[in-house]
Amino acid sequence: MSDRLLRTLQIIEKHLEKNEKWFQYPEKKMRLIEDEMHTWDAEFQKGIISFEKMMAEFEKIME
């Protein structure tokens, strides 16, 4: 291969690596957001269960 072709291929490879890192950044951020969502959802579900138990007890008292 000619030197010019090799240099061109090296430049293309370098830019592809940079772009790959750039595309991975949103994926990392999305994982963090999903983890936060799961944590929030777990706490919310606990609150809902507690509220439903309290409402069931309140209904028993009202009868």
PDB file of N, CA and C in Angstrom:
ATOM      1  N   MET A   1       0.841  -1.184   0.000  1.00  0.00           N
ATOM      2  CA  MET A   1       0.000   0.000   0.000  1.00  0.00           C
ATOM      3  C   MET A   1       0.880   1.239   0.000  1.00  0.00           C
ATOM      4  N   SER A   2       0.332   2.270  -0.516  1.00  0.00           N
ATOM      5  CA  SER A   2       1.098   3.510  -0.553  1.00  0.00           C
ATOM      6  C   SER A   2       1.051   4.182   0.816  1.00  0.00           C
ATOM      7  N   ASP A   3       2.020   5.051   1.036  1.00  0.00           N
ATOM      8  CA  ASP A   3       2.083   5.774   2.313  1.00  0.00           C
ATOM      9  C   ASP A   3       0.861   6.671   2.498  1.00  0.00           C
ATOM     10  N   ARG A   4       0.432   7.271   1.418  1.00  0.00           N
ATOM     11  CA  ARG A   4      -0.730   8.169   1.501  1.00  0.00           C
ATOM     12  C   ARG A   4      -1.985   7.398   1.935  1.00  0.00           C
ATOM     13  N   LEU A   5      -2.182   6.231   1.380  1.00  0.00           N
ATOM     14  CA  LEU A   5      -3.334   5.409   1.744  1.00  0.00           C
ATOM     15  C   LEU A   5      -3.248   4.981   3.205  1.00  0.00           C
ATOM     16  N   LEU A   6      -2.064   4.593   3.645  1.00  0.00           N
ATOM     17  CA  LEU A   6      -1.889   4.196   5.052  1.00  0.00           C
ATOM     18  C   LEU A   6      -2.198   5.356   5.985  1.00  0.00           C
ATOM     19  N   ARG A   7      -1.696   6.541   5.673  1.00  0.00           N
ATOM     20  CA  ARG A   7      -1.968   7.716   6.509  1.00  0.00           C
ATOM     21  C   ARG A   7      -3.467   8.025   6.532  1.00  0.00           C
ATOM     22  N   THR A   8      -4.094   7.922   5.389  1.00  0.00           N
ATOM     23  CA  THR A   8      -5.533   8.178   5.316  1.00  0.00           C
ATOM     24  C   THR A   8      -6.302   7.177   6.179  1.00  0.00           C
ATOM     25  N   LEU A   9      -5.929   5.917   6.102  1.00  0.00           N
ATOM     26  CA  LEU A   9      -6.589   4.898   6.921  1.00  0.00           C
ATOM     27  C   LEU A   9      -6.351   5.127   8.407  1.00  0.00           C
ATOM     28  N   GLN A  10      -5.156   5.565   8.779  1.00  0.00           N
ATOM     29  CA  GLN A  10      -4.863   5.857  10.183  1.00  0.00           C
ATOM     30  C   GLN A  10      -5.709   7.026  10.682  1.00  0.00           C
ATOM     31  N   ILE A  11      -5.857   8.037   9.838  1.00  0.00           N
ATOM     32  CA  ILE A  11      -6.674   9.195  10.218  1.00  0.00           C
ATOM     33  C   ILE A  11      -8.131   8.773  10.402  1.00  0.00           C
ATOM     34  N   ILE A  12      -8.624   7.972   9.489  1.00  0.00           N
ATOM     35  CA  ILE A  12     -10.008   7.485   9.599  1.00  0.00           C
ATOM     36  C   ILE A  12     -10.182   6.667  10.867  1.00  0.00           C
ATOM     37  N   GLU A  13      -9.231   5.801  11.169  1.00  0.00           N
ATOM     38  CA  GLU A  13      -9.302   4.981  12.381  1.00  0.00           C
ATOM     39  C   GLU A  13      -9.326   5.851  13.630  1.00  0.00           C
ATOM     40  N   LYS A  14      -8.478   6.880  13.656  1.00  0.00           N
ATOM     41  CA  LYS A  14      -8.419   7.779  14.806  1.00  0.00           C
ATOM     42  C   LYS A  14      -9.772   8.459  15.027  1.00  0.00           C
ATOM     43  N   HIS A  15     -10.372   8.937  13.963  1.00  0.00           N
ATOM     44  CA  HIS A  15     -11.658   9.619  14.088  1.00  0.00           C
ATOM     45  C   HIS A  15     -12.772   8.654  14.477  1.00  0.00           C
ATOM     46  N   LEU A  16     -12.715   7.443  13.990  1.00  0.00           N
ATOM     47  CA  LEU A  16     -13.718   6.450  14.381  1.00  0.00           C
ATOM     48  C   LEU A  16     -13.621   6.138  15.869  1.00  0.00           C
ATOM     49  N   GLU A  17     -12.401   6.047  16.401  1.00  0.00           N
ATOM     50  CA  GLU A  17     -12.223   5.798  17.836  1.00  0.00           C
ATOM     51  C   GLU A  17     -12.792   6.946  18.653  1.00  0.00           C
ATOM     52  N   LYS A  18     -12.527   8.186  18.220  1.00  0.00           N
ATOM     53  CA  LYS A  18     -13.064   9.342  18.942  1.00  0.00           C
ATOM     54  C   LYS A  18     -14.586   9.329  18.911  1.00  0.00           C
ATOM     55  N   ASN A  19     -15.150   9.038  17.753  1.00  0.00           N
ATOM     56  CA  ASN A  19     -16.607   9.002  17.638  1.00  0.00           C
ATOM     57  C   ASN A  19     -17.199   7.889  18.490  1.00  0.00           C
ATOM     58  N   GLU A  20     -16.533   6.753  18.565  1.00  0.00           N
ATOM     59  CA  GLU A  20     -17.030   5.641  19.378  1.00  0.00           C
ATOM     60  C   GLU A  20     -17.086   6.046  20.849  1.00  0.00           C
ATOM     61  N   LYS A  21     -16.048   6.737  21.323  1.00  0.00           N
ATOM     62  CA  LYS A  21     -16.051   7.209  22.711  1.00  0.00           C
ATOM     63  C   LYS A  21     -17.191   8.199  22.919  1.00  0.00           C
ATOM     64  N   TRP A  22     -17.409   9.053  21.933  1.00  0.00           N
ATOM     65  CA  TRP A  22     -18.471  10.050  22.030  1.00  0.00           C
ATOM     66  C   TRP A  22     -19.841   9.384  22.095  1.00  0.00           C
ATOM     67  N   PHE A  23     -20.040   8.318  21.316  1.00  0.00           N
ATOM     68  CA  PHE A  23     -21.322   7.628  21.320  1.00  0.00           C
ATOM     69  C   PHE A  23     -21.525   6.820  22.596  1.00  0.00           C
ATOM     70  N   GLN A  24     -20.460   6.408  23.254  1.00  0.00           N
ATOM     71  CA  GLN A  24     -20.592   5.641  24.492  1.00  0.00           C
ATOM     72  C   GLN A  24     -20.990   6.534  25.659  1.00  0.00           C
ATOM     73  N   TYR A  25     -20.671   7.823  25.598  1.00  0.00           N
ATOM     74  CA  TYR A  25     -20.970   8.733  26.699  1.00  0.00           C
ATOM     75  C   TYR A  25     -22.464   8.763  27.037  1.00  0.00           C
ATOM     76  N   PRO A  26     -23.367   8.946  26.047  1.00  0.00           N
ATOM     77  CA  PRO A  26     -24.801   8.935  26.396  1.00  0.00           C
ATOM     78  C   PRO A  26     -25.259   7.603  26.983  1.00  0.00           C
ATOM     79  N   GLU A  27     -24.662   6.498  26.537  1.00  0.00           N
ATOM     80  CA  GLU A  27     -25.033   5.195  27.089  1.00  0.00           C
ATOM     81  C   GLU A  27     -24.691   5.126  28.572  1.00  0.00           C
ATOM     82  N   LYS A  28     -23.529   5.661  28.949  1.00  0.00           N
ATOM     83  CA  LYS A  28     -23.141   5.674  30.363  1.00  0.00           C
ATOM     84  C   LYS A  28     -24.103   6.541  31.163  1.00  0.00           C
ATOM     85  N   LYS A  29     -24.441   7.718  30.623  1.00  0.00           N
ATOM     86  CA  LYS A  29     -25.371   8.605  31.315  1.00  0.00           C
ATOM     87  C   LYS A  29     -26.741   7.942  31.452  1.00  0.00           C
ATOM     88  N   MET A  30     -27.161   7.242  30.422  1.00  0.00           N
ATOM     89  CA  MET A  30     -28.466   6.580  30.455  1.00  0.00           C
ATOM     90  C   MET A  30     -28.497   5.498  31.529  1.00  0.00           C
ATOM     91  N   ARG A  31     -27.394   4.767  31.684  1.00  0.00           N
ATOM     92  CA  ARG A  31     -27.334   3.747  32.741  1.00  0.00           C
ATOM     93  C   ARG A  31     -27.489   4.392  34.113  1.00  0.00           C
ATOM     94  N   LEU A  32     -26.836   5.540  34.324  1.00  0.00           N
ATOM     95  CA  LEU A  32     -26.957   6.231  35.608  1.00  0.00           C
ATOM     96  C   LEU A  32     -28.399   6.680  35.850  1.00  0.00           C
ATOM     97  N   ILE A  33     -29.023   7.206  34.818  1.00  0.00           N
ATOM     98  CA  ILE A  33     -30.411   7.651  34.948  1.00  0.00           C
ATOM     99  C   ILE A  33     -31.326   6.466  35.234  1.00  0.00           C
ATOM    100  N   GLU A  34     -31.099   5.344  34.553  1.00  0.00           N
ATOM    101  CA  GLU A  34     -31.918   4.151  34.798  1.00  0.00           C
ATOM    102  C   GLU A  34     -31.742   3.649  36.220  1.00  0.00           C
ATOM    103  N   ASP A  35     -30.515   3.682  36.741  1.00  0.00           N
ATOM    104  CA  ASP A  35     -30.283   3.267  38.126  1.00  0.00           C
ATOM    105  C   ASP A  35     -31.044   4.174  39.091  1.00  0.00           C
ATOM    106  N   GLU A  36     -31.005   5.488  38.838  1.00  0.00           N
ATOM    107  CA  GLU A  36     -31.743   6.423  39.683  1.00  0.00           C
ATOM    108  C   GLU A  36     -33.244   6.157  39.601  1.00  0.00           C
ATOM    109  N   MET A  37     -33.729   5.862  38.399  1.00  0.00           N
ATOM    110  CA  MET A  37     -35.156   5.574  38.229  1.00  0.00           C
ATOM    111  C   MET A  37     -35.555   4.325  38.998  1.00  0.00           C
ATOM    112  N   HIS A  38     -34.730   3.281  38.959  1.00  0.00           N
ATOM    113  CA  HIS A  38     -35.044   2.046  39.679  1.00  0.00           C
ATOM    114  C   HIS A  38     -35.053   2.292  41.186  1.00  0.00           C
ATOM    115  N   THR A  39     -34.103   3.071  41.672  1.00  0.00           N
ATOM    116  CA  THR A  39     -34.051   3.394  43.097  1.00  0.00           C
ATOM    117  C   THR A  39     -35.300   4.167  43.509  1.00  0.00           C
ATOM    118  N   TRP A  40     -35.643   5.189  42.722  1.00  0.00           N
ATOM    119  CA  TRP A  40     -36.826   5.987  43.022  1.00  0.00           C
ATOM    120  C   TRP A  40     -38.078   5.127  42.981  1.00  0.00           C
ATOM    121  N   ASP A  41     -38.184   4.273  41.977  1.00  0.00           N
ATOM    122  CA  ASP A  41     -39.365   3.417  41.830  1.00  0.00           C
ATOM    123  C   ASP A  41     -39.502   2.466  43.010  1.00  0.00           C
ATOM    124  N   ALA A  42     -38.387   1.910  43.469  1.00  0.00           N
ATOM    125  CA  ALA A  42     -38.438   0.994  44.615  1.00  0.00           C
ATOM    126  C   ALA A  42     -38.962   1.724  45.852  1.00  0.00           C
ATOM    127  N   GLU A  43     -38.465   2.932  46.097  1.00  0.00           N
ATOM    128  CA  GLU A  43     -38.932   3.709  47.244  1.00  0.00           C
ATOM    129  C   GLU A  43     -40.407   4.085  47.079  1.00  0.00           C
ATOM    130  N   PHE A  44     -40.787   4.451  45.879  1.00  0.00           N
ATOM    131  CA  PHE A  44     -42.178   4.819  45.607  1.00  0.00           C
ATOM    132  C   PHE A  44     -43.106   3.632  45.837  1.00  0.00           C
ATOM    133  N   GLN A  45     -42.699   2.450  45.380  1.00  0.00           N
ATOM    134  CA  GLN A  45     -43.515   1.245  45.567  1.00  0.00           C
ATOM    135  C   GLN A  45     -43.680   0.927  47.052  1.00  0.00           C
ATOM    136  N   LYS A  46     -42.604   1.109  47.828  1.00  0.00           N
ATOM    137  CA  LYS A  46     -42.709   0.893  49.276  1.00  0.00           C
ATOM    138  C   LYS A  46     -43.734   1.845  49.880  1.00  0.00           C
ATOM    139  N   GLY A  47     -43.695   3.098  49.445  1.00  0.00           N
ATOM    140  CA  GLY A  47     -44.654   4.086  49.939  1.00  0.00           C
ATOM    141  C   GLY A  47     -46.080   3.728  49.564  1.00  0.00           C
ATOM    142  N   ILE A  48     -46.273   3.265  48.341  1.00  0.00           N
ATOM    143  CA  ILE A  48     -47.610   2.874  47.882  1.00  0.00           C
ATOM    144  C   ILE A  48     -48.126   1.693  48.700  1.00  0.00           C
ATOM    145  N   ILE A  49     -47.293   0.711  48.935  1.00  0.00           N
ATOM    146  CA  ILE A  49     -47.701  -0.460  49.726  1.00  0.00           C
ATOM    147  C   ILE A  49     -48.084  -0.030  51.140  1.00  0.00           C
ATOM    148  N   SER A  50     -47.275   0.842  51.723  1.00  0.00           N
ATOM    149  CA  SER A  50     -47.570   1.340  53.065  1.00  0.00           C
ATOM    150  C   SER A  50     -48.899   2.096  53.078  1.00  0.00           C
ATOM    151  N   PHE A  51     -49.122   2.924  52.077  1.00  0.00           N
ATOM    152  CA  PHE A  51     -50.368   3.688  51.986  1.00  0.00           C
ATOM    153  C   PHE A  51     -51.568   2.759  51.818  1.00  0.00           C
ATOM    154  N   GLU A  52     -51.430   1.738  50.980  1.00  0.00           N
ATOM    155  CA  GLU A  52     -52.533   0.794  50.775  1.00  0.00           C
ATOM    156  C   GLU A  52     -52.858   0.038  52.058  1.00  0.00           C
ATOM    157  N   LYS A  53     -51.830  -0.339  52.830  1.00  0.00           N
ATOM    158  CA  LYS A  53     -52.077  -1.010  54.112  1.00  0.00           C
ATOM    159  C   LYS A  53     -52.828  -0.078  55.055  1.00  0.00           C
ATOM    160  N   MET A  54     -52.404   1.179  55.096  1.00  0.00           N
ATOM    161  CA  MET A  54     -53.043   2.151  55.968  1.00  0.00           C
ATOM    162  C   MET A  54     -54.501   2.361  55.549  1.00  0.00           C
ATOM    163  N   MET A  55     -54.760   2.427  54.256  1.00  0.00           N
ATOM    164  CA  MET A  55     -56.132   2.599  53.773  1.00  0.00           C
ATOM    165  C   MET A  55     -56.984   1.372  54.098  1.00  0.00           C
ATOM    166  N   ALA A  56     -56.414   0.181  54.005  1.00  0.00           N
ATOM    167  CA  ALA A  56     -57.154  -1.038  54.345  1.00  0.00           C
ATOM    168  C   ALA A  56     -57.527  -1.031  55.822  1.00  0.00           C
ATOM    169  N   GLU A  57     -56.592  -0.620  56.682  1.00  0.00           N
ATOM    170  CA  GLU A  57     -56.883  -0.533  58.112  1.00  0.00           C
ATOM    171  C   GLU A  57     -57.962   0.516  58.376  1.00  0.00           C
ATOM    172  N   PHE A  58     -57.876   1.633  57.677  1.00  0.00           N
ATOM    173  CA  PHE A  58     -58.861   2.697  57.837  1.00  0.00           C
ATOM    174  C   PHE A  58     -60.250   2.221  57.417  1.00  0.00           C
ATOM    175  N   GLU A  59     -60.327   1.446  56.330  1.00  0.00           N
ATOM    176  CA  GLU A  59     -61.615   0.904  55.885  1.00  0.00           C
ATOM    177  C   GLU A  59     -62.195  -0.048  56.925  1.00  0.00           C
ATOM    178  N   LYS A  60     -61.323  -0.856  57.563  1.00  0.00           N
ATOM    179  CA  LYS A  60     -61.798  -1.769  58.611  1.00  0.00           C
ATOM    180  C   LYS A  60     -62.364  -0.980  59.782  1.00  0.00           C
ATOM    181  N   ILE A  61     -61.694   0.104  60.132  1.00  0.00           N
ATOM    182  CA  ILE A  61     -62.158   0.937  61.248  1.00  0.00           C
ATOM    183  C   ILE A  61     -63.502   1.575  60.908  1.00  0.00           C
ATOM    184  N   MET A  62     -63.656   2.008  59.659  1.00  0.00           N
ATOM    185  CA  MET A  62     -64.881   2.685  59.239  1.00  0.00           C
ATOM    186  C   MET A  62     -66.081   1.737  59.186  1.00  0.00           C
ATOM    187  N   GLU A  63     -65.867   0.432  59.061  1.00  0.00           N
ATOM    188  CA  GLU A  63     -66.983  -0.525  58.998  1.00  0.00           C
ATOM    189  C   GLU A  63     -67.582  -0.736  60.324  1.00  0.00           C
TER     190      GLU A  63
END
